[in-house]
Protein backbone atom coordinates (compact mmCIF):
# COMPACT_ATOMS: atom_id res chain seq x y z
CA MET A 1 116.90 106.33 105.87
CA ARG A 2 116.01 102.90 107.22
CA SER A 3 113.29 104.26 109.55
CA PHE A 4 112.03 106.50 106.70
CA LEU A 5 111.55 103.46 104.45
CA LEU A 6 110.03 101.34 107.24
CA THR A 7 107.46 104.05 107.95
CA ILE A 8 106.67 104.27 104.27
CA PHE A 9 106.14 100.54 103.83
CA LEU A 10 103.89 100.36 106.89
CA PHE A 11 101.54 102.93 105.39
CA THR A 12 101.50 101.49 101.87
CA SER A 13 98.66 99.13 102.80
CA LEU A 14 96.39 101.79 104.35
CA ALA A 15 94.47 102.81 101.23
CA SER A 16 93.15 99.90 99.21
CA ASN A 17 93.43 101.69 95.86
CA ALA A 18 97.12 102.59 96.21
CA GLU A 19 99.05 101.33 93.22
CA VAL A 20 102.31 101.73 91.38
CA THR A 21 100.73 101.77 87.93
CA LYS A 22 103.89 102.10 85.85
CA GLN A 23 107.63 101.63 86.19
CA THR A 24 110.31 102.27 83.60
CA ALA A 25 114.08 102.41 83.83
CA ASN A 26 113.82 106.16 84.50
CA GLY A 27 110.58 106.69 86.34
CA PHE A 28 107.27 105.58 87.74
CA GLU A 29 103.62 106.48 88.10
CA ILE A 30 101.51 105.94 91.20
CA THR A 31 97.82 106.45 91.81
CA ASN A 32 95.45 106.27 94.72
CA SER A 33 91.91 107.31 95.58
CA VAL A 34 89.53 107.45 98.51
CA LYS A 35 85.94 108.49 99.04
CA VAL A 36 84.89 110.91 101.74
CA SER A 37 81.52 111.84 103.19
CA ALA A 38 81.66 115.51 102.20
CA ASP A 39 80.93 117.51 99.09
CA THR A 40 83.73 118.66 96.78
CA SER A 41 83.82 122.16 98.27
CA GLN A 42 84.24 120.90 101.84
CA SER A 43 86.83 118.35 100.71
CA TYR A 44 88.84 120.89 98.75
CA GLN A 45 88.76 123.45 101.57
CA GLN A 46 90.21 120.87 103.96
CA PHE A 47 92.80 119.90 101.35
CA LEU A 48 93.99 123.52 101.29
CA LYS A 49 94.79 123.24 105.02
CA VAL A 50 97.72 120.92 104.30
CA GLY A 51 99.36 121.68 107.65
CA GLN A 52 96.44 119.97 109.39
CA TRP A 53 96.63 116.65 107.56
CA TRP A 54 100.19 116.21 106.26
CA HIS A 55 102.27 114.00 108.57
CA ASP A 56 104.97 115.63 110.71
CA SER A 57 107.47 112.89 109.80
CA HIS A 58 107.43 114.00 106.16
CA THR A 59 108.56 117.56 106.79
CA TYR A 60 111.96 119.15 107.20
CA SER A 61 110.97 121.09 110.32
CA GLY A 62 109.26 118.14 112.00
CA LYS A 63 105.97 120.07 112.13
CA ALA A 64 103.35 119.83 109.42
CA ALA A 65 101.79 122.99 110.85
CA ASN A 66 104.62 124.85 109.09
CA MET A 67 103.33 123.74 105.68
CA THR A 68 101.04 125.77 103.44
CA LEU A 69 99.46 125.68 100.02
CA ASP A 70 99.71 129.24 98.72
CA ILE A 71 97.75 129.33 95.47
CA GLU A 72 98.72 132.94 94.66
CA SER A 73 102.47 132.29 94.78
CA GLY A 74 102.11 128.72 93.53
CA CYS A 75 103.94 127.30 96.51
CA PHE A 76 103.50 124.11 98.48
CA CYS A 77 105.94 125.40 101.07
CA GLU A 78 107.22 124.85 104.57
CA ARG A 79 108.51 127.78 106.63
CA TRP A 80 110.08 127.85 110.08
CA ASP A 81 112.56 130.19 111.74
CA ASN A 82 114.61 131.56 108.79
CA ASN A 83 114.13 128.43 106.68
CA ILE A 84 111.95 127.77 103.67
CA VAL A 85 111.43 124.64 101.62
CA ARG A 86 109.43 124.78 98.41
CA HIS A 87 108.24 121.18 98.31
CA MET A 88 106.51 121.59 94.96
CA ASN A 89 105.20 124.28 92.63
CA ILE A 90 101.44 124.59 92.27
CA VAL A 91 101.04 125.03 88.51
CA MET A 92 97.26 124.65 88.29
CA ALA A 93 94.49 125.24 90.78
CA GLN A 94 90.85 124.71 89.88
CA PRO A 95 88.91 125.07 93.14
CA ASN A 96 86.83 122.04 94.09
CA LYS A 97 88.16 120.14 91.05
CA GLN A 98 91.92 119.71 90.92
CA GLN A 99 95.42 120.93 91.63
CA VAL A 100 98.59 120.08 89.75
CA TRP A 101 101.92 120.26 91.53
CA ARG A 102 105.34 120.01 89.83
CA GLY A 103 108.60 118.87 91.36
CA GLY A 104 110.14 116.14 93.44
CA LEU A 105 108.84 115.37 96.91
CA GLY A 106 111.27 115.02 99.80
CA PRO A 107 114.52 113.28 98.88
CA LEU A 108 113.56 113.37 95.18
CA GLN A 109 114.41 117.11 95.28
CA THR A 110 118.10 116.23 95.47
CA LEU A 111 117.96 113.91 92.46
CA ALA A 112 117.76 114.80 88.78
CA ALA A 113 114.02 114.09 88.80
CA SER A 114 110.91 115.87 87.69
CA GLY A 115 107.36 115.01 88.66
CA ALA A 116 103.75 116.01 88.17
CA LEU A 117 101.35 115.32 91.04
CA ILE A 118 97.70 115.69 90.06
CA TRP A 119 95.08 115.88 92.84
CA GLN A 120 91.44 115.51 91.73
CA PHE A 121 88.13 116.02 93.51
CA LYS A 122 85.07 114.46 91.85
CA ALA A 123 81.52 114.41 93.15
CA VAL A 124 80.15 110.91 93.56
CA ASP A 125 76.86 112.39 94.74
CA ASN A 126 75.83 115.51 96.69
CA LYS A 127 77.43 114.26 99.91
CA THR A 128 80.35 112.13 98.70
CA THR A 129 83.60 113.08 96.98
CA ALA A 130 86.24 110.87 95.39
CA ILE A 131 89.70 112.30 96.01
CA SER A 132 92.52 110.89 93.92
CA TYR A 133 96.09 111.59 92.99
CA THR A 134 98.41 110.51 90.22
CA TYR A 135 102.12 111.20 90.59
CA LYS A 136 104.36 110.77 87.55
CA VAL A 137 108.10 110.95 88.22
CA HIS A 138 110.87 110.77 85.64
CA GLY A 139 114.62 111.29 85.76
CA ASP A 140 117.90 109.92 87.02
CA ILE A 141 116.55 108.49 90.27
CA GLY A 142 118.52 105.28 90.66
CA ASP A 143 116.52 102.42 92.18
CA VAL A 144 113.12 103.04 90.58
CA LYS A 145 111.44 100.13 92.35
CA MET A 146 112.54 101.34 95.80
CA TRP A 147 111.58 104.95 95.10
CA SER A 148 108.18 104.09 93.63
CA LYS A 149 107.24 102.01 96.68
CA ALA A 150 108.60 104.62 99.07
CA VAL A 151 106.78 107.54 97.46
CA ASP A 152 103.61 105.47 97.14
CA GLY A 153 103.77 104.82 100.88
CA VAL A 154 104.27 108.49 101.74
CA LEU A 155 101.43 109.71 99.52
CA THR A 156 99.14 106.91 100.70
CA GLN A 157 99.74 108.07 104.25
CA GLN A 158 98.94 111.67 103.33
CA LEU A 159 95.74 110.75 101.46
CA THR A 160 94.60 108.57 104.36
CA ARG A 161 95.23 111.42 106.79
CA LEU A 162 93.31 113.84 104.55
CA GLN A 163 90.42 111.38 104.41
CA GLU A 164 90.43 111.02 108.20
CA ARG A 165 90.58 114.81 108.66
CA ILE A 166 87.58 115.34 106.37
CA GLN A 167 85.60 112.60 108.11
CA LYS A 168 85.99 114.30 111.55
């Protein structure tokens, strides 16, 4: 757990717009955004290839290549050997615009928590897209301050990796 949190805190500073925007006794909200030099279609298509940009250290199998976004089944899932983890449910998919995922990421799955993670893709101009997320988590999660910073760090890392992947 200590190395998990250290990794998270190291990546919290990567994206300048990362922010814990709200904290209550039972939850938090975090947001972040980046701009990429690609149109919304190109950005969204790369987003769908989650196994290419999600970080290996934030998987159960140790390999992000095992992760998929299956719009038809509504599953942000990880499969390896005879194992499956449904990280979150995809409850809305509007190609090139947004996706909404429901559930608790990582260790939040074992807590009495519920969350909505909204990914948005907005054209800045014909060749630039703003990609943002807002993750709202509520429930019996214990140390809200620790969890909000930890989750913010993990999602900041993922968004930064997506940005880098699109910029290749």
